[in-house]
Amino acid sequence: MFFYRESVDVDYSMEIQRQSGVSSCINSYGGEVETFAQHIIKTNTVDTLKFLNDESFELRDRFPEDVACMANAHALEENTRDVIDPLISNKEACAISISTSYGSGTDQIFLDSPQAEWLWEYAQDKDVLVHIHPPLVSIGAAAMQQYRLIEAVGRPFDTALSAARMIYSGVFDRYPKLKVLFVHMGGALAPVICRLDWNWELNYKGIQNPPIHKADKNLRKPSEYFKSNIYVDTMGPSAIGLKAMVEMCGIDRILFGTDFGPVPMSPKLHIDLVNETIPDAGDRKKIFSTNTLALLRLAESAPRLVSQAA
């Protein structure tokens, strides 16, 4: 395992961020909780989450006009509710951050699992966004050890698979006010959204004795949930991808994201992407700030950051 300087030297990365034109950022570790627990901190999930959340808020306290924080959780472990609830209820955190899946190989579990129901109920009740990021070890990891394929292929498809399973299992029908954000431009969702729709249309209609436990449970076309429950960010960076996000979700459901820190690419790359791809100045402002400020309750959890962005 390796880390770039941008992810461990905070002063260095904050200076690059400022020079790029980014005035504020939001920190999370949701996709890396299991890796931290098993290989870095080497303790149980609850203690790992407490450590990571403490790290996040220490960073915020050090840079109060630059940094806001999410509450990192484990979607499949309900006992982590006690870790995130004070941060959410006291409006310290602006969102909940989790992973698209947990475990690996035949033991990998996705977000349609009944074990995650507590989280969807909690997030809807608290009216708080759930930020969903793929894990360091993604689906198909055994076949992706070369060429950094886990990053290029595995993680986007981990996101797409978990999103599809959430939709088909009826998560958004059981929790119609649930709001989730799939990072990295929704992973690999855009190219398969049409297939999700026609797969739902087909389902098992006309098949004698269909396998009931395998049938789709969602009440609406999968693509419709991208206009009601699902948000995405701009981390790509791809003009084709960003245009697809506008088509898939609408401009009001796209947030500016860069993955800077863990990924050593200047945020300016994504700033230029938005400026060069989105022609309307009002729409660019929505992506750069307005959508995020409204969706993530930053006026409550990070008022100094909001005044900085205004």
Protein backbone atom coordinates (compact mmCIF):
# COMPACT_ATOMS: atom_id res chain seq x y z
CA MET A 1 0.00 0.00 0.00
CA PHE A 2 1.28 3.47 -0.85
CA PHE A 3 0.21 7.06 -0.27
CA TYR A 4 0.98 10.15 -2.32
CA ARG A 5 2.39 13.22 -0.65
CA GLU A 6 -0.89 15.02 -1.38
CA SER A 7 -2.77 12.65 0.92
CA VAL A 8 -0.39 12.80 3.90
CA ASP A 9 1.11 16.32 3.77
CA VAL A 10 -1.90 18.48 4.54
CA ASP A 11 -0.13 21.83 4.30
CA TYR A 12 1.19 20.88 0.88
CA SER A 13 -2.18 19.73 -0.43
CA MET A 14 -4.09 22.71 0.97
CA GLU A 15 -1.69 25.07 -0.77
CA ILE A 16 -2.16 23.28 -4.09
CA GLN A 17 -5.91 23.42 -3.58
CA ARG A 18 -5.88 27.16 -2.92
CA GLN A 19 -3.62 27.81 -5.91
CA SER A 20 -6.03 25.88 -8.13
CA GLY A 21 -8.90 28.17 -7.17
CA VAL A 22 -10.78 25.88 -4.75
CA SER A 23 -11.79 27.80 -1.63
CA SER A 24 -13.17 24.90 0.42
CA CYS A 25 -13.39 21.11 0.55
CA ILE A 26 -15.19 18.26 2.31
CA ASN A 27 -13.31 15.38 3.89
CA SER A 28 -14.40 11.74 4.17
CA TYR A 29 -12.99 8.24 4.61
CA GLY A 30 -16.15 6.20 4.02
CA GLY A 31 -14.81 4.01 1.24
CA GLU A 32 -11.67 3.04 3.13
CA VAL A 33 -13.04 2.04 6.54
CA GLU A 34 -12.46 -1.71 6.18
CA THR A 35 -8.93 -1.24 4.83
CA PHE A 36 -8.04 1.07 7.70
CA ALA A 37 -9.56 -1.29 10.27
CA GLN A 38 -7.89 -4.43 8.96
CA HIS A 39 -4.52 -3.26 7.66
CA ILE A 40 -3.58 0.16 9.05
CA ILE A 41 -5.17 0.82 12.44
CA LYS A 42 -5.83 -2.89 13.05
CA THR A 43 -8.78 -2.61 15.38
CA ASN A 44 -12.56 -3.03 15.29
CA THR A 45 -14.87 -0.98 13.08
CA VAL A 46 -16.24 1.28 15.80
CA ASP A 47 -12.80 2.29 17.08
CA THR A 48 -11.59 2.78 13.51
CA LEU A 49 -14.52 5.07 12.73
CA LYS A 50 -13.94 7.07 15.89
CA PHE A 51 -10.30 7.50 14.93
CA LEU A 52 -11.09 8.54 11.34
CA ASN A 53 -13.84 10.94 12.37
CA ASP A 54 -11.54 12.48 14.99
CA GLU A 55 -8.88 12.91 12.30
CA SER A 56 -11.40 14.62 10.03
CA PHE A 57 -12.55 17.06 12.65
CA GLU A 58 -9.01 17.85 13.75
CA LEU A 59 -8.38 18.81 10.13
CA ARG A 60 -11.49 20.98 10.12
CA ASP A 61 -10.44 22.70 13.34
CA ARG A 62 -7.05 23.40 11.82
CA PHE A 63 -8.57 24.84 8.63
CA PRO A 64 -12.01 26.10 9.71
CA GLU A 65 -12.52 28.26 6.63
CA ASP A 66 -11.43 25.56 4.21
CA VAL A 67 -12.69 22.18 5.44
CA ALA A 68 -16.04 20.58 6.28
CA CYS A 69 -16.50 16.96 7.34
CA MET A 70 -18.69 13.96 6.73
CA ALA A 71 -19.48 11.35 9.37
CA ASN A 72 -17.87 8.08 8.32
CA ALA A 73 -19.97 4.97 8.91
CA HIS A 74 -20.10 1.25 8.12
CA ALA A 75 -23.36 0.58 6.26
CA LEU A 76 -23.61 -3.05 7.37
CA GLU A 77 -22.86 -2.54 11.07
CA GLU A 78 -25.76 -0.89 12.87
CA ASN A 79 -23.69 -0.34 16.00
CA THR A 80 -21.85 2.40 14.09
CA ARG A 81 -25.02 4.50 14.38
CA ASP A 82 -23.79 5.51 17.83
CA VAL A 83 -20.60 6.86 16.27
CA ILE A 84 -22.25 9.04 13.65
CA ASP A 85 -25.42 10.13 15.45
CA PRO A 86 -23.83 12.81 17.66
CA LEU A 87 -22.07 14.28 14.61
CA ILE A 88 -25.27 14.32 12.54
CA SER A 89 -27.72 15.31 15.26
CA ASN A 90 -25.49 18.15 16.46
CA LYS A 91 -24.96 19.27 12.85
CA GLU A 92 -21.21 18.81 13.09
CA ALA A 93 -21.09 16.63 9.97
CA CYS A 94 -22.66 17.56 6.64
CA ALA A 95 -23.26 14.02 5.31
CA ILE A 96 -22.72 10.32 6.00
CA SER A 97 -19.94 8.58 4.08
CA ILE A 98 -19.95 4.84 3.36
CA SER A 99 -18.55 2.29 0.91
CA THR A 100 -20.32 0.78 -2.09
CA SER A 101 -19.49 -2.72 -0.83
CA TYR A 102 -17.81 -4.58 2.00
CA GLY A 103 -15.72 -7.74 2.03
CA SER A 104 -14.24 -9.38 -1.05
CA GLY A 105 -14.70 -12.29 -3.41
CA THR A 106 -17.65 -14.55 -2.62
CA ASP A 107 -18.04 -12.78 0.72
CA GLN A 108 -18.54 -9.34 -0.82
CA ILE A 109 -21.76 -7.67 0.32
CA PHE A 110 -23.45 -4.76 -1.46
CA LEU A 111 -25.84 -2.05 -0.33
CA ASP A 112 -29.04 -3.94 -1.14
CA SER A 113 -28.27 -6.10 1.89
CA PRO A 114 -30.89 -6.08 4.67
CA GLN A 115 -27.99 -5.22 6.98
CA ALA A 116 -27.98 -1.70 5.49
CA GLU A 117 -31.66 -0.97 6.16
CA TRP A 118 -30.89 0.84 9.41
CA LEU A 119 -28.77 3.36 7.52
CA TRP A 120 -31.39 4.20 4.89
CA GLU A 121 -34.02 4.64 7.58
CA TYR A 122 -31.68 6.82 9.65
CA ALA A 123 -30.55 8.99 6.71
CA GLN A 124 -34.10 9.60 5.53
CA ASP A 125 -35.25 10.42 9.05
CA LYS A 126 -32.37 12.88 9.53
CA ASP A 127 -32.74 14.26 5.99
CA VAL A 128 -29.00 13.85 5.42
CA LEU A 129 -27.14 12.87 2.26
CA VAL A 130 -25.31 9.53 2.07
CA HIS A 131 -22.02 9.85 0.19
CA ILE A 132 -21.10 6.49 -1.40
CA HIS A 133 -17.51 5.74 -2.45
CA PRO A 134 -16.06 2.44 -3.75
CA PRO A 135 -13.63 0.50 -1.53
CA LEU A 136 -9.91 0.18 -2.09
CA VAL A 137 -10.47 -3.51 -2.87
CA SER A 138 -13.26 -3.56 -5.44
CA ILE A 139 -15.28 -6.23 -7.16
CA GLY A 140 -13.08 -8.42 -9.37
CA ALA A 141 -9.93 -7.34 -7.55
CA ALA A 142 -8.22 -10.68 -8.12
CA ALA A 143 -8.28 -10.09 -11.88
CA MET A 144 -7.19 -6.45 -11.61
CA GLN A 145 -3.82 -6.56 -9.91
CA GLN A 146 -2.00 -5.19 -12.97
CA TYR A 147 -2.09 -1.79 -14.65
CA ARG A 148 -3.98 -0.14 -11.75
CA LEU A 149 -7.16 -1.71 -13.12
CA ILE A 150 -8.82 -1.62 -9.72
CA GLU A 151 -8.84 2.17 -9.93
CA ALA A 152 -9.63 2.41 -13.63
CA VAL A 153 -12.21 -0.37 -13.95
CA GLY A 154 -12.94 -2.12 -10.64
CA ARG A 155 -14.10 0.80 -8.53
CA PRO A 156 -16.40 2.35 -11.16
CA PHE A 157 -18.09 -1.01 -11.64
CA ASP A 158 -18.32 -1.60 -7.89
CA THR A 159 -20.27 1.66 -7.76
CA ALA A 160 -22.50 0.74 -10.70
CA LEU A 161 -23.26 -2.70 -9.30
CA SER A 162 -24.15 -1.42 -5.85
CA ALA A 163 -26.34 1.34 -7.30
CA ALA A 164 -28.16 -1.14 -9.55
CA ARG A 165 -28.75 -3.49 -6.63
CA MET A 166 -30.10 -0.65 -4.50
CA ILE A 167 -32.51 0.34 -7.26
CA TYR A 168 -33.71 -3.15 -8.15
CA SER A 169 -34.13 -4.19 -4.51
CA GLY A 170 -36.52 -1.28 -3.94
CA VAL A 171 -34.41 0.77 -1.52
CA PHE A 172 -35.62 4.06 -3.02
CA ASP A 173 -39.25 2.90 -2.97
CA ARG A 174 -39.06 1.99 0.71
CA TYR A 175 -37.27 5.27 1.44
CA PRO A 176 -38.59 7.73 -1.17
CA LYS A 177 -36.91 10.75 0.42
CA LEU A 178 -33.49 9.11 0.68
CA LYS A 179 -30.67 11.09 -0.96
CA VAL A 180 -27.45 9.39 -2.05
CA LEU A 181 -24.41 10.58 -3.99
CA PHE A 182 -22.42 8.13 -6.11
CA VAL A 183 -18.95 9.57 -6.65
CA HIS A 184 -16.74 9.45 -9.76
CA MET A 185 -19.55 10.59 -12.07
CA GLY A 186 -21.65 7.71 -10.84
CA GLY A 187 -18.95 5.17 -11.62
CA ALA A 188 -19.92 3.09 -14.65
CA LEU A 189 -23.63 3.89 -14.44
CA ALA A 190 -24.04 6.15 -17.47
CA PRO A 191 -23.20 3.53 -20.14
CA VAL A 192 -25.53 0.94 -18.59
CA ILE A 193 -28.51 3.05 -17.57
CA CYS A 194 -30.44 2.09 -20.71
CA ARG A 195 -29.77 -1.57 -19.95
CA LEU A 196 -31.02 -1.11 -16.40
CA ASP A 197 -34.27 0.26 -17.83
CA TRP A 198 -34.92 -2.45 -20.38
CA ASN A 199 -33.85 -5.14 -17.94
CA TRP A 200 -36.57 -3.84 -15.60
CA GLU A 201 -39.08 -3.80 -18.46
CA LEU A 202 -38.25 -7.43 -19.25
CA ASN A 203 -37.89 -8.61 -15.66
CA TYR A 204 -39.24 -12.17 -15.75
CA LYS A 205 -42.47 -11.34 -17.58
CA GLY A 206 -43.77 -14.19 -19.70
CA ILE A 207 -41.54 -16.75 -18.02
CA GLN A 208 -43.34 -19.68 -16.45
CA ASN A 209 -42.61 -20.09 -12.74
CA PRO A 210 -40.22 -17.09 -12.52
CA PRO A 211 -37.66 -17.04 -9.69
CA ILE A 212 -39.50 -14.66 -7.38
CA HIS A 213 -36.49 -14.03 -5.16
CA LYS A 214 -34.54 -12.79 -8.21
CA ALA A 215 -37.22 -10.52 -9.70
CA ASP A 216 -36.82 -6.73 -9.69
CA LYS A 217 -38.69 -5.07 -6.83
CA ASN A 218 -38.47 -1.41 -7.87
CA LEU A 219 -41.71 0.35 -8.78
CA ARG A 220 -40.31 2.82 -11.33
CA LYS A 221 -37.87 2.70 -14.22
CA PRO A 222 -34.31 2.72 -12.86
CA SER A 223 -33.47 5.92 -14.74
CA GLU A 224 -36.19 7.79 -12.86
CA TYR A 225 -34.38 7.43 -9.55
CA PHE A 226 -31.52 9.50 -10.99
CA LYS A 227 -33.92 12.44 -11.07
CA SER A 228 -35.32 11.94 -7.57
CA ASN A 229 -32.88 10.20 -5.19
CA ILE A 230 -29.44 9.99 -6.79
CA TYR A 231 -26.73 12.64 -7.11
CA VAL A 232 -23.29 12.44 -8.72
CA ASP A 233 -20.06 14.44 -8.71
CA THR A 234 -17.69 15.65 -11.43
CA MET A 235 -14.68 13.48 -10.60
CA GLY A 236 -13.59 11.99 -13.93
CA PRO A 237 -12.33 14.04 -15.56
CA SER A 238 -14.18 13.65 -18.85
CA ALA A 239 -16.25 16.07 -20.91
CA ILE A 240 -18.19 13.12 -22.33
CA GLY A 241 -18.81 11.86 -18.80
CA LEU A 242 -19.94 15.26 -17.51
CA LYS A 243 -22.34 15.71 -20.42
CA ALA A 244 -23.73 12.26 -19.69
CA MET A 245 -24.27 13.25 -16.05
CA VAL A 246 -26.25 16.31 -17.13
CA GLU A 247 -28.37 14.09 -19.36
CA MET A 248 -28.75 11.37 -16.73
CA CYS A 249 -29.36 13.43 -13.58
CA GLY A 250 -29.83 17.07 -14.53
CA ILE A 251 -27.63 20.03 -13.66
CA ASP A 252 -29.18 20.41 -10.17
CA ARG A 253 -27.95 16.97 -9.12
CA ILE A 254 -24.26 17.37 -9.97
CA LEU A 255 -21.72 18.41 -7.31
CA PHE A 256 -18.15 19.49 -7.85
CA GLY A 257 -15.72 16.75 -6.83
CA THR A 258 -12.05 16.06 -7.56
CA ASP A 259 -10.75 13.27 -5.26
CA PHE A 260 -7.78 15.56 -4.66
CA GLY A 261 -5.54 14.46 -1.86
CA PRO A 262 -5.70 10.72 -2.40
CA VAL A 263 -5.48 11.34 -6.15
CA PRO A 264 -2.54 13.66 -6.96
CA MET A 265 -4.22 15.62 -9.75
CA SER A 266 -4.69 19.34 -9.24
CA PRO A 267 -8.33 20.36 -8.72
CA LYS A 268 -7.77 22.80 -11.59
CA LEU A 269 -8.19 19.85 -13.96
CA HIS A 270 -11.82 19.54 -12.88
CA ILE A 271 -12.38 23.28 -12.70
CA ASP A 272 -11.29 23.54 -16.33
CA LEU A 273 -13.52 20.57 -17.19
CA VAL A 274 -16.63 22.31 -15.86
CA ASN A 275 -15.71 25.69 -17.37
CA GLU A 276 -15.06 24.19 -20.78
CA THR A 277 -18.01 21.78 -20.84
CA ILE A 278 -20.90 23.68 -19.24
CA PRO A 279 -21.69 26.79 -21.33
CA ASP A 280 -24.12 28.54 -18.96
CA ALA A 281 -22.55 30.55 -16.11
CA GLY A 282 -25.51 29.89 -13.83
CA ASP A 283 -25.21 26.15 -14.36
CA ARG A 284 -21.48 26.28 -13.65
CA LYS A 285 -22.17 28.08 -10.37
CA LYS A 286 -24.64 25.34 -9.42
CA ILE A 287 -21.98 22.68 -9.93
CA PHE A 288 -19.17 24.63 -8.28
CA SER A 289 -21.07 25.70 -5.17
CA THR A 290 -24.84 26.17 -5.07
CA ASN A 291 -25.83 22.51 -5.27
CA THR A 292 -23.31 21.47 -2.63
CA LEU A 293 -24.14 24.29 -0.21
CA ALA A 294 -27.83 23.40 -0.32
CA LEU A 295 -27.60 19.60 -0.32
CA LEU A 296 -24.93 19.17 2.35
CA ARG A 297 -26.44 21.49 4.99
CA LEU A 298 -23.20 23.44 5.09
CA ALA A 299 -24.92 26.56 6.39
CA GLU A 300 -25.50 24.56 9.60
CA SER A 301 -22.37 22.39 9.84
CA ALA A 302 -19.78 24.79 8.39
CA PRO A 303 -21.05 28.40 8.41
CA ARG A 304 -17.54 29.87 8.10
CA LEU A 305 -16.94 27.77 5.03
CA VAL A 306 -20.25 28.94 3.52
CA SER A 307 -19.39 32.59 4.05
CA GLN A 308 -16.04 31.92 2.39
CA ALA A 309 -17.79 30.41 -0.65
CA ALA A 310 -20.47 33.08 -0.93
